[in-house]
């Protein structure tokens, strides 16, 4: 279909209904149906097309890896729960961490061990953080925001050993090779990190928030948080009671986490070497991070199960809570499936072409990076995917930079910054969905909370792009 403003309609429906109903699921279903009907121009055919999109989404190899990873990781968390691992580690950490600031600092300190992939980091430390939040009666939204900032904003700034690096460099390489500029893609990528102003600003905001804790809001929120906990306690009260009675066993968490981290790093290195990498940094950049994380969690599950059997944890209880833990991730999994499906419908409506054709080369050089960042952030908020935003705007950004005479590293940094904004802020983003799911927060309320703070960071970043473009 030719590019048209109708390609925006599915996303507008999702955002509008989510704000209205405070639940994203109905909006996603309606958005997919409307988009599919517009593609097919027929009610029945459109419904069939919607199902076809879902099947296509589930047939995608990368999507299936992510889905299986989420379920298996949830199952591992369930096993660690019933074995007393999370309870034991939480009690130990609770004896060391007594304040909100202490918990926020703890989140930052876990970064060197969990930096490879955003979803991996959130799922690794999320259950521990959740138990400490409940014990200390803290603001889930503030703690969740710190977790997300230390995850998404930090990982996009790392030049090696993350799930993003290979994809980001390949996008830069594609944009540069088509224009025959004779520049090194990795060199441009490294320079662009200095200009990812949004991620840098959000990191500073996260650090300030960590060390500056207003005393007023702390006491004001306690009664409200107690009410929220009571509302959630009735749901699954039997399982929560059972978990409260298990014996604390910190080693039942330490051993699986050590296995998972060790296997992840080792397998990333091996996978990268198999793909032709010569150094360990190249290996981490070239490795198929999604498959490696899935393989690591699968091996960890098997070894952890054997470890628990040796430690005389009841097998039936372990298996039951494996499934229970995996099922706890089904909300996040179903939302991701529907979001991927919505993106397919929007693309068939000409979403990419419409966005590209809406920007001409009339922009002055000093406004090009800022314009790319602002437009990319808006689109990123709609689609909730950093990778999708980068893939859409990198060719456009580099082309506009060349045609207007703007700095290419600065414009590339603006593209990466816009994807970081969408991934961190959007209610459709997997970071927001995963954190909200693990910490038992209302997704829309949490997304609203993040949007207020992220908008401040976005405005500061936009000004920095203009000032830097004028200066250079």
Protein backbone atom coordinates (compact mmCIF):
# COMPACT_ATOMS: atom_id res chain seq x y z
CA UNK A 1 0.00 0.00 0.00
CA UNK A 2 1.23 3.53 -0.76
CA UNK A 3 2.44 5.58 2.15
CA UNK A 4 -0.50 7.19 3.94
CA UNK A 5 -1.39 8.80 7.23
CA UNK A 6 -3.69 5.82 7.85
CA UNK A 7 -0.57 3.86 8.84
CA UNK A 8 -0.55 5.93 12.05
CA UNK A 9 -4.12 4.93 12.94
CA UNK A 10 -3.35 1.54 14.62
CA UNK A 11 -0.79 3.18 16.91
CA UNK A 12 -3.10 6.10 17.72
CA UNK A 13 -5.84 3.61 18.65
CA UNK A 14 -3.49 1.65 20.92
CA UNK A 15 -2.18 4.73 22.75
CA UNK A 16 -5.64 6.34 23.01
CA UNK A 17 -7.43 3.24 24.30
CA UNK A 18 -4.59 2.45 26.69
CA UNK A 19 -4.84 5.89 28.29
CA UNK A 20 -8.66 5.66 28.38
CA UNK A 21 -8.96 2.11 29.74
CA UNK A 22 -5.64 2.05 31.68
CA UNK A 23 -5.01 -1.30 30.04
CA UNK A 24 -3.01 -1.85 26.89
CA UNK A 25 -4.42 -5.25 25.82
CA UNK A 26 -7.84 -4.12 24.42
CA UNK A 27 -6.18 -1.32 22.45
CA UNK A 28 -3.66 -3.72 20.91
CA UNK A 29 -6.40 -6.10 19.77
CA UNK A 30 -8.49 -3.29 18.28
CA UNK A 31 -5.42 -1.67 16.70
CA UNK A 32 -4.43 -4.95 15.04
CA UNK A 33 -7.96 -5.54 13.76
CA UNK A 34 -8.30 -1.99 12.40
CA UNK A 35 -4.89 -2.14 10.75
CA UNK A 36 -5.61 -5.54 9.21
CA UNK A 37 -9.01 -4.41 7.92
CA UNK A 38 -7.43 -1.33 6.35
CA UNK A 39 -4.82 -3.53 4.65
CA UNK A 40 -7.45 -5.94 3.30
CA UNK A 41 -10.24 -3.37 2.76
CA UNK A 42 -12.74 -5.97 3.94
CA UNK A 43 -14.06 -6.96 7.38
CA UNK A 44 -13.80 -10.75 7.04
CA UNK A 45 -10.55 -10.68 5.07
CA UNK A 46 -9.15 -8.20 7.58
CA UNK A 47 -9.89 -10.57 10.46
CA UNK A 48 -8.19 -13.38 8.58
CA UNK A 49 -5.25 -11.07 7.89
CA UNK A 50 -4.96 -10.29 11.63
CA UNK A 51 -4.65 -13.99 12.42
CA UNK A 52 -2.15 -14.35 9.60
CA UNK A 53 -0.04 -11.57 11.11
CA UNK A 54 -0.05 -13.38 14.48
CA UNK A 55 1.04 -16.62 12.80
CA UNK A 56 3.80 -14.76 10.94
CA UNK A 57 4.95 -13.19 14.21
CA UNK A 58 5.11 -16.57 15.91
CA UNK A 59 6.96 -18.03 12.93
CA UNK A 60 9.78 -15.53 13.26
CA UNK A 61 12.88 -17.24 14.65
CA UNK A 62 14.04 -14.28 16.73
CA UNK A 63 10.58 -13.75 18.22
CA UNK A 64 10.34 -17.40 19.24
CA UNK A 65 13.77 -17.22 20.90
CA UNK A 66 12.64 -14.23 22.96
CA UNK A 67 9.33 -15.89 23.92
CA UNK A 68 10.99 -19.14 25.01
CA UNK A 69 13.70 -17.21 26.86
CA UNK A 70 11.07 -15.24 28.79
CA UNK A 71 9.12 -18.35 29.75
CA UNK A 72 12.18 -20.38 30.77
CA UNK A 73 13.61 -17.48 32.73
CA UNK A 74 10.28 -17.04 34.50
CA UNK A 75 10.36 -20.76 35.27
CA UNK A 76 13.88 -20.46 36.70
CA UNK A 77 12.71 -17.61 38.94
CA UNK A 78 9.80 -19.79 40.09
CA UNK A 79 12.22 -22.59 40.99
CA UNK A 80 14.48 -20.19 42.88
CA UNK A 81 11.42 -18.90 44.73
CA UNK A 82 10.12 -22.25 46.02
CA UNK A 83 13.65 -23.44 46.90
CA UNK A 84 14.09 -20.45 49.21
CA UNK A 85 16.83 -18.90 47.07
CA UNK A 86 15.21 -15.51 46.52
CA UNK A 87 13.97 -15.38 50.11
CA UNK A 88 17.43 -16.22 51.44
CA UNK A 89 19.24 -13.68 49.28
CA UNK A 90 16.61 -11.03 50.00
CA UNK A 91 17.01 -11.55 53.74
CA UNK A 92 20.78 -11.26 53.38
CA UNK A 93 20.51 -8.17 51.16
CA UNK A 94 17.83 -6.77 53.47
CA UNK A 95 20.26 -6.93 56.36
CA UNK A 96 22.73 -4.85 54.33
CA UNK A 97 20.27 -2.60 52.47
CA UNK A 98 18.11 -0.62 54.86
CA UNK A 99 17.15 2.48 52.85
CA UNK A 100 15.73 3.43 49.48
CA UNK A 101 19.07 4.96 48.53
CA UNK A 102 20.81 1.71 49.43
CA UNK A 103 18.47 -0.26 47.15
CA UNK A 104 18.95 2.18 44.26
CA UNK A 105 22.74 2.00 44.67
CA UNK A 106 22.46 -1.81 44.71
CA UNK A 107 20.68 -1.64 41.33
CA UNK A 108 23.57 0.30 39.82
CA UNK A 109 26.16 -2.05 41.35
CA UNK A 110 24.59 -5.05 39.60
CA UNK A 111 25.24 -3.50 36.17
CA UNK A 112 28.73 -5.04 35.59
CA UNK A 113 27.20 -8.52 35.94
CA UNK A 114 24.03 -8.04 33.88
CA UNK A 115 24.87 -5.55 31.12
CA UNK A 116 24.65 -7.88 28.10
CA UNK A 117 20.95 -7.54 27.30
CA UNK A 118 18.16 -5.32 28.78
CA UNK A 119 15.59 -8.06 29.27
CA UNK A 120 18.24 -10.35 30.76
CA UNK A 121 19.23 -7.68 33.31
CA UNK A 122 15.67 -6.83 34.33
CA UNK A 123 14.65 -10.45 34.76
CA UNK A 124 17.86 -11.31 36.59
CA UNK A 125 17.60 -8.75 39.39
CA UNK A 126 13.89 -7.85 39.19
CA UNK A 127 12.60 -10.56 41.56
CA UNK A 128 15.20 -9.64 44.21
CA UNK A 129 14.37 -5.95 43.92
CA UNK A 130 10.65 -6.73 44.14
CA UNK A 131 11.05 -8.56 47.45
CA UNK A 132 13.14 -5.71 48.89
CA UNK A 133 10.61 -3.09 47.72
CA UNK A 134 7.86 -4.93 49.55
CA UNK A 135 9.95 -5.39 52.68
CA UNK A 136 10.90 -1.70 52.87
CA UNK A 137 7.55 -0.41 51.52
CA UNK A 138 9.13 1.74 48.80
CA UNK A 139 7.82 3.33 45.62
CA UNK A 140 7.73 0.67 42.91
CA UNK A 141 7.64 3.31 40.17
CA UNK A 142 10.75 5.14 41.37
CA UNK A 143 12.71 1.93 41.85
CA UNK A 144 11.45 0.60 38.50
CA UNK A 145 12.53 3.79 36.73
CA UNK A 146 16.02 3.52 38.22
CA UNK A 147 16.20 -0.09 37.04
CA UNK A 148 15.08 0.87 33.52
CA UNK A 149 17.42 3.87 33.27
CA UNK A 150 20.40 1.85 34.47
CA UNK A 151 19.45 -0.79 31.91
CA UNK A 152 18.31 0.83 28.65
CA UNK A 153 20.24 4.12 28.90
CA UNK A 154 23.46 2.43 29.96
CA UNK A 155 23.49 -0.52 27.59
CA UNK A 156 23.06 1.67 24.47
CA UNK A 157 26.21 3.57 25.51
CA UNK A 158 28.45 0.50 25.80
CA UNK A 159 30.67 -0.09 22.73
CA UNK A 160 31.21 -3.84 23.25
CA UNK A 161 29.72 -7.04 24.63
CA UNK A 162 26.01 -6.15 24.46
CA UNK A 163 23.13 -7.49 22.39
CA UNK A 164 22.89 -4.08 20.67
CA UNK A 165 26.41 -3.47 19.36
CA UNK A 166 26.38 -5.75 16.31
CA UNK A 167 22.98 -4.49 15.17
CA UNK A 168 23.90 -0.83 15.71
CA UNK A 169 27.18 -1.11 13.81
CA UNK A 170 25.48 -2.99 10.95
CA UNK A 171 22.92 -0.16 10.61
CA UNK A 172 25.69 2.43 10.43
CA UNK A 173 27.60 0.30 7.94
CA UNK A 174 24.52 -0.02 5.73
CA UNK A 175 23.89 3.72 5.73
CA UNK A 176 27.51 4.63 5.02
CA UNK A 177 28.20 1.98 2.38
CA UNK A 178 25.27 3.12 0.28
CA UNK A 179 26.65 6.67 0.25
CA UNK A 180 30.27 5.63 -0.36
CA UNK A 181 31.66 7.98 2.28
CA UNK A 182 34.77 5.91 2.97
CA UNK A 183 34.32 6.07 6.76
CA UNK A 184 34.72 3.21 9.24
CA UNK A 185 31.29 2.12 10.55
CA UNK A 186 32.68 1.22 13.98
CA UNK A 187 34.49 4.55 14.20
CA UNK A 188 31.25 6.41 13.43
CA UNK A 189 29.43 4.24 15.99
CA UNK A 190 32.03 5.03 18.68
CA UNK A 191 31.80 8.77 17.96
CA UNK A 192 28.00 8.63 17.99
CA UNK A 193 28.05 7.32 21.58
CA UNK A 194 29.37 10.74 22.68
CA UNK A 195 26.32 12.32 21.04
CA UNK A 196 23.61 10.03 22.43
CA UNK A 197 22.51 12.96 24.57
CA UNK A 198 19.22 11.45 25.67
CA UNK A 199 20.80 8.33 27.18
CA UNK A 200 23.53 10.45 28.83
CA UNK A 201 21.00 12.92 30.29
CA UNK A 202 18.77 10.12 31.58
CA UNK A 203 21.77 8.46 33.22
CA UNK A 204 22.51 11.72 35.03
CA UNK A 205 18.86 12.01 36.06
CA UNK A 206 18.96 8.42 37.35
CA UNK A 207 22.12 9.08 39.38
CA UNK A 208 20.68 12.30 40.85
CA UNK A 209 17.46 10.47 41.72
CA UNK A 210 19.50 7.73 43.42
CA UNK A 211 21.33 10.07 45.77
CA UNK A 212 18.59 12.67 46.26
CA UNK A 213 15.62 11.30 48.19
CA UNK A 214 12.94 13.83 49.22
CA UNK A 215 11.73 12.96 52.70
CA UNK A 216 8.19 14.27 52.20
CA UNK A 217 7.09 11.99 49.40
CA UNK A 218 8.51 8.96 51.22
CA UNK A 219 6.04 9.08 54.10
CA UNK A 220 3.14 10.32 51.98
CA UNK A 221 3.27 7.22 49.79
CA UNK A 222 3.35 4.58 52.51
CA UNK A 223 -0.39 4.34 53.07
CA UNK A 224 -1.05 4.24 49.35
CA UNK A 225 1.55 1.49 48.84
CA UNK A 226 0.04 -0.54 51.67
CA UNK A 227 -3.33 -0.30 49.97
CA UNK A 228 -1.87 -1.41 46.65
CA UNK A 229 -0.20 -4.38 48.29
CA UNK A 230 -3.46 -5.40 49.95
CA UNK A 231 -5.28 -5.24 46.61
CA UNK A 232 -2.66 -7.50 45.03
CA UNK A 233 -2.38 -9.88 47.97
CA UNK A 234 -5.81 -11.45 47.41
CA UNK A 235 -4.72 -12.61 43.98
CA UNK A 236 -2.59 -15.78 44.23
CA UNK A 237 -2.79 -15.59 48.03
CA UNK A 238 -2.29 -19.37 48.37
CA UNK A 239 1.01 -19.38 46.49
CA UNK A 240 2.22 -16.27 48.33
CA UNK A 241 1.46 -17.94 51.64
CA UNK A 242 3.35 -21.05 50.52
CA UNK A 243 6.39 -19.02 49.46
CA UNK A 244 6.42 -17.17 52.78
CA UNK A 245 6.84 -20.51 54.59
CA UNK A 246 9.84 -21.81 52.63
CA UNK A 247 13.21 -22.01 54.34
CA UNK A 248 15.68 -19.29 53.33
CA UNK A 249 18.51 -20.78 51.27
CA UNK A 250 20.70 -18.05 49.69
CA UNK A 251 22.82 -20.64 47.82
CA UNK A 252 19.70 -21.71 45.93
CA UNK A 253 19.85 -18.34 44.18
CA UNK A 254 23.61 -17.73 44.14
CA UNK A 255 24.44 -20.99 42.31
CA UNK A 256 21.86 -20.57 39.47
CA UNK A 257 22.75 -16.89 38.98
CA UNK A 258 26.48 -17.70 38.89
CA UNK A 259 25.80 -20.49 36.38
CA UNK A 260 23.68 -18.23 34.19
CA UNK A 261 26.16 -15.35 34.15
CA UNK A 262 29.15 -17.63 33.56
CA UNK A 263 27.44 -19.58 30.80
CA UNK A 264 26.20 -16.38 29.15
CA UNK A 265 29.67 -14.83 28.97
CA UNK A 266 31.34 -18.09 27.88
CA UNK A 267 28.74 -18.91 25.23
CA UNK A 268 28.76 -15.34 23.88
CA UNK A 269 32.50 -15.66 23.41
CA UNK A 270 32.22 -19.10 21.78
CA UNK A 271 29.39 -18.03 19.49
CA UNK A 272 31.30 -14.94 18.37
CA UNK A 273 34.45 -16.98 17.69
CA UNK A 274 32.36 -19.40 15.61
CA UNK A 275 31.22 -16.44 13.50
CA UNK A 276 34.79 -15.41 12.70
CA UNK A 277 35.69 -13.04 15.52
CA UNK A 278 39.38 -12.78 16.41
CA UNK A 279 39.22 -10.95 19.74
CA UNK A 280 36.95 -11.30 22.74
CA UNK A 281 35.43 -7.87 22.09
CA UNK A 282 34.68 -8.76 18.49
CA UNK A 283 33.22 -12.06 19.68
CA UNK A 284 30.79 -10.36 22.06
CA UNK A 285 29.78 -7.90 19.34
CA UNK A 286 29.25 -10.54 16.63
CA UNK A 287 27.53 -13.19 18.76
CA UNK A 288 23.85 -14.02 18.39
CA UNK A 289 22.97 -12.70 21.86
CA UNK A 290 19.32 -13.76 21.77
CA UNK A 291 20.14 -17.42 21.02
CA UNK A 292 23.04 -17.45 23.49
CA UNK A 293 20.85 -16.13 26.33
CA UNK A 294 18.25 -18.78 25.52
CA UNK A 295 20.88 -21.53 25.46
CA UNK A 296 22.41 -20.28 28.71
CA UNK A 297 19.10 -20.22 30.56
CA UNK A 298 18.20 -23.70 29.25
CA UNK A 299 21.48 -25.24 30.45
CA UNK A 300 21.16 -23.36 33.75
CA UNK A 301 17.64 -24.75 34.22
CA UNK A 302 18.84 -28.33 33.77
CA UNK A 303 21.83 -27.93 36.09
CA UNK A 304 19.76 -26.04 38.68
CA UNK A 305 17.13 -28.78 38.70
CA UNK A 306 19.85 -31.38 39.35
CA UNK A 307 21.35 -29.14 42.06
CA UNK A 308 17.97 -28.79 43.80
CA UNK A 309 17.37 -32.56 43.67
CA UNK A 310 20.76 -33.13 45.30
CA UNK A 311 19.84 -30.50 47.91
CA UNK A 312 16.58 -32.42 48.56
CA UNK A 313 14.16 -29.77 47.34
CA UNK A 314 10.90 -31.55 46.55
CA UNK A 315 10.80 -32.40 42.86
CA UNK A 316 7.02 -31.95 42.49
CA UNK A 317 7.19 -28.51 44.11
CA UNK A 318 10.10 -27.50 41.89
CA UNK A 319 8.27 -28.54 38.71
CA UNK A 320 5.01 -26.93 39.78
CA UNK A 321 6.69 -23.60 40.48
CA UNK A 322 8.69 -23.82 37.25
CA UNK A 323 5.40 -23.73 35.35
CA UNK A 324 3.95 -21.14 37.72
CA UNK A 325 6.99 -18.89 37.21
CA UNK A 326 6.79 -19.27 33.44
CA UNK A 327 3.06 -18.56 33.47
CA UNK A 328 3.73 -15.34 35.38
CA UNK A 329 5.50 -14.09 32.25
CA UNK A 330 2.59 -14.89 29.93
CA UNK A 331 1.18 -11.37 30.23
CA UNK A 332 4.47 -9.87 29.05
CA UNK A 333 4.78 -12.54 26.33
CA UNK A 334 1.25 -11.98 25.00
CA UNK A 335 1.77 -8.21 24.91
CA UNK A 336 5.02 -8.58 22.98
CA UNK A 337 3.35 -10.91 20.46
CA UNK A 338 0.54 -8.42 19.88
CA UNK A 339 2.98 -5.50 19.57
CA UNK A 340 5.04 -7.36 16.97
CA UNK A 341 1.79 -8.19 15.14
CA UNK A 342 0.70 -4.53 15.21
CA UNK A 343 4.01 -3.51 13.67
CA UNK A 344 3.48 -5.91 10.75
CA UNK A 345 0.06 -4.40 10.03
CA UNK A 346 1.42 -0.85 10.22
CA UNK A 347 4.29 -1.67 7.87
CA UNK A 348 1.86 -3.09 5.28
CA UNK A 349 -0.03 0.20 5.55
CA UNK A 350 3.14 2.02 4.55
CA UNK A 351 4.25 3.30 7.94
CA UNK A 352 7.99 3.47 7.10
CA UNK A 353 7.42 5.08 3.71
CA UNK A 354 5.03 7.63 5.18
CA UNK A 355 7.49 8.69 7.88
CA UNK A 356 10.37 8.87 5.40
CA UNK A 357 8.41 10.90 2.85
CA UNK A 358 7.21 13.31 5.52
CA UNK A 359 10.74 14.65 5.98
CA UNK A 360 12.37 16.34 3.04
CA UNK A 361 15.91 17.62 2.70
CA UNK A 362 14.76 21.22 3.36
CA UNK A 363 16.09 21.20 6.92
CA UNK A 364 19.07 23.42 7.77
CA UNK A 365 22.14 21.50 8.93
CA UNK A 366 21.96 22.74 12.53
CA UNK A 367 18.38 21.47 12.91
CA UNK A 368 18.82 18.09 11.21
CA UNK A 369 20.04 16.04 14.24
CA UNK A 370 17.44 17.60 16.56
CA UNK A 371 14.64 17.03 14.02
CA UNK A 372 15.68 13.40 13.56
CA UNK A 373 15.76 12.94 17.34
CA UNK A 374 12.34 14.52 17.95
CA UNK A 375 10.58 12.71 15.10
CA UNK A 376 12.34 9.43 15.92
CA UNK A 377 11.34 9.77 19.57
CA UNK A 378 7.69 10.28 18.65
CA UNK A 379 7.74 7.26 16.33
CA UNK A 380 9.75 5.28 18.90
CA UNK A 381 7.08 6.02 21.50
CA UNK A 382 4.43 4.71 19.12
CA UNK A 383 6.22 1.49 18.21
CA UNK A 384 8.06 0.91 21.53
CA UNK A 385 11.11 -0.61 19.88
CA UNK A 386 14.61 0.83 19.84
CA UNK A 387 15.66 -1.58 17.10
CA UNK A 388 12.62 -0.72 14.99
CA UNK A 389 13.24 3.01 15.40
CA UNK A 390 16.92 2.67 14.55
CA UNK A 391 16.19 0.52 11.50
CA UNK A 392 13.65 3.06 10.24
CA UNK A 393 15.59 6.26 10.87
CA UNK A 394 19.23 5.35 10.31
CA UNK A 395 19.08 5.42 6.48
CA UNK A 396 16.94 8.56 6.62
CA UNK A 397 19.19 10.26 9.16
CA UNK A 398 22.45 9.61 7.31
CA UNK A 399 20.93 10.66 3.98
CA UNK A 400 19.63 13.90 5.49
CA UNK A 401 22.99 14.54 7.19
CA UNK A 402 24.77 14.25 3.84
CA UNK A 403 22.23 16.38 1.94
CA UNK A 404 22.16 19.17 4.55
CA UNK A 405 25.82 19.05 5.51
CA UNK A 406 25.14 18.04 9.11
CA UNK A 407 27.62 16.03 11.18
CA UNK A 408 27.16 12.33 10.49
CA UNK A 409 28.29 11.08 13.95
CA UNK A 410 26.01 13.67 15.58
CA UNK A 411 23.05 12.60 13.43
CA UNK A 412 23.75 8.91 14.05
CA UNK A 413 23.84 9.71 17.77
CA UNK A 414 20.44 11.40 17.39
CA UNK A 415 19.01 8.27 15.76
CA UNK A 416 20.28 6.04 18.57
CA UNK A 417 19.00 8.56 21.13
CA UNK A 418 15.50 8.50 19.62
CA UNK A 419 15.37 4.70 19.85
CA UNK A 420 16.51 4.86 23.47
CA UNK A 421 13.67 7.33 24.20
CA UNK A 422 11.04 5.05 22.69
CA UNK A 423 12.34 1.90 24.37
CA UNK A 424 12.56 3.56 27.79
CA UNK A 425 9.31 5.54 27.66
CA UNK A 426 6.74 3.74 25.54
CA UNK A 427 4.06 1.53 27.15
CA UNK A 428 4.66 -0.74 24.15
CA UNK A 429 8.37 -1.17 24.95
CA UNK A 430 9.60 -4.55 26.20
CA UNK A 431 11.63 -2.81 28.94
CA UNK A 432 8.52 -1.11 30.34
CA UNK A 433 6.37 -4.22 29.97
CA UNK A 434 8.92 -6.54 31.61
CA UNK A 435 9.66 -4.23 34.55
CA UNK A 436 5.97 -3.51 35.17
CA UNK A 437 5.18 -7.22 35.00
CA UNK A 438 7.94 -8.33 37.39
CA UNK A 439 7.32 -5.53 39.93
CA UNK A 440 3.51 -5.93 39.75
CA UNK A 441 2.82 -2.38 38.54
CA UNK A 442 -0.03 -1.12 36.39
CA UNK A 443 1.58 -0.79 32.95
CA UNK A 444 -0.15 2.43 31.86
CA UNK A 445 0.37 4.22 35.18
CA UNK A 446 4.03 3.26 35.14
CA UNK A 447 4.45 4.42 31.53
CA UNK A 448 2.85 7.75 32.43
CA UNK A 449 5.20 8.16 35.38
CA UNK A 450 8.21 7.47 33.15
CA UNK A 451 6.95 9.78 30.37
CA UNK A 452 7.00 12.84 32.66
CA UNK A 453 10.65 12.36 33.57
CA UNK A 454 11.70 11.14 30.13
CA UNK A 455 10.17 14.20 28.48
CA UNK A 456 12.44 16.42 30.57
CA UNK A 457 15.43 14.36 29.44
CA UNK A 458 14.19 14.51 25.83
CA UNK A 459 13.83 18.31 25.85
CA UNK A 460 17.32 18.74 27.28
CA UNK A 461 18.69 16.34 24.65
CA UNK A 462 16.95 18.22 21.80
CA UNK A 463 18.52 21.50 22.95
CA UNK A 464 21.93 19.83 23.18
CA UNK A 465 21.60 18.54 19.60
CA UNK A 466 20.89 22.07 18.31
CA UNK A 467 23.67 23.67 20.37
CA UNK A 468 26.21 21.00 19.39
CA UNK A 469 25.26 21.27 15.69
CA UNK A 470 25.74 25.05 15.81
CA UNK A 471 29.05 24.70 17.63
CA UNK A 472 30.46 22.10 15.25
